[in-house]
Protein backbone atom coordinates (compact mmCIF):
# COMPACT_ATOMS: atom_id res chain seq x y z
CA MET A 1 102.94 111.74 116.57
CA ASN A 2 99.86 113.86 116.82
CA SER A 3 97.67 112.46 114.05
CA SER A 4 94.33 110.71 114.10
CA ALA A 5 95.25 108.62 111.05
CA ILE A 6 99.03 108.15 111.17
CA GLY A 7 100.93 106.56 114.03
CA GLN A 8 104.52 106.64 112.78
CA ILE A 9 106.59 107.70 109.78
CA GLU A 10 110.17 106.81 108.83
CA TRP A 11 112.34 107.49 105.79
CA SER A 12 115.45 105.65 104.60
CA ASN A 13 117.18 105.85 101.21
CA GLY A 14 114.08 107.07 99.40
CA THR A 15 111.62 104.69 101.05
CA LEU A 16 108.96 106.36 103.16
CA SER A 17 107.26 104.00 105.61
CA ILE A 18 103.97 105.09 107.14
CA TRP A 19 102.08 103.21 109.83
CA PHE A 20 98.37 103.98 109.70
CA HIS A 21 96.30 103.39 112.83
CA ASP A 22 93.58 101.51 110.95
CA SER A 23 95.44 99.64 108.21
CA GLY A 24 99.07 99.09 109.24
CA LYS A 25 102.33 99.84 107.45
CA TYR A 26 102.71 100.98 103.86
CA ASP A 27 105.94 101.74 102.01
CA TYR A 28 106.28 104.47 99.37
CA TYR A 29 109.32 104.39 97.08
CA GLY A 30 111.31 107.18 95.46
CA VAL A 31 110.30 109.80 98.03
CA PRO A 32 112.86 112.62 98.25
CA GLN A 33 114.18 113.55 101.68
CA SER A 34 112.79 117.06 101.17
CA VAL A 35 109.26 115.62 101.00
CA TYR A 36 109.89 113.57 104.15
CA ASP A 37 111.21 116.66 105.96
CA ALA A 38 108.17 118.69 104.90
CA PHE A 39 105.92 115.82 106.03
CA LEU A 40 107.54 115.83 109.48
CA ASN A 41 107.08 119.59 109.77
CA SER A 42 103.50 119.71 108.49
CA SER A 43 100.76 120.75 110.87
CA SER A 44 98.38 118.11 109.48
CA LYS A 45 100.01 114.78 108.63
CA GLY A 46 96.85 113.39 107.03
CA GLN A 47 96.35 116.42 104.82
CA PHE A 48 100.01 116.43 103.77
CA PHE A 49 99.80 112.72 102.93
CA ASN A 50 96.70 113.26 100.79
CA ASP A 51 98.13 116.31 99.02
CA HIS A 52 101.75 115.25 98.45
CA ILE A 53 102.23 111.47 98.82
CA ARG A 54 99.09 109.48 98.03
CA ASP A 55 98.91 108.46 94.35
CA ARG A 56 102.36 110.02 93.68
CA TYR A 57 104.71 107.35 95.07
């Protein structure tokens, strides 16, 4: 993954798991697959996380 902040992302049954380079793994619950797909296709993973995931799930 080409991100300075995020090393890996996975999604399973509504749980989005994100591994941050500096702080490790965090799980976000109730995330629709459409949000995960958009996250994968975003040009800036950090910006997408801040705009669409942080403080929402």
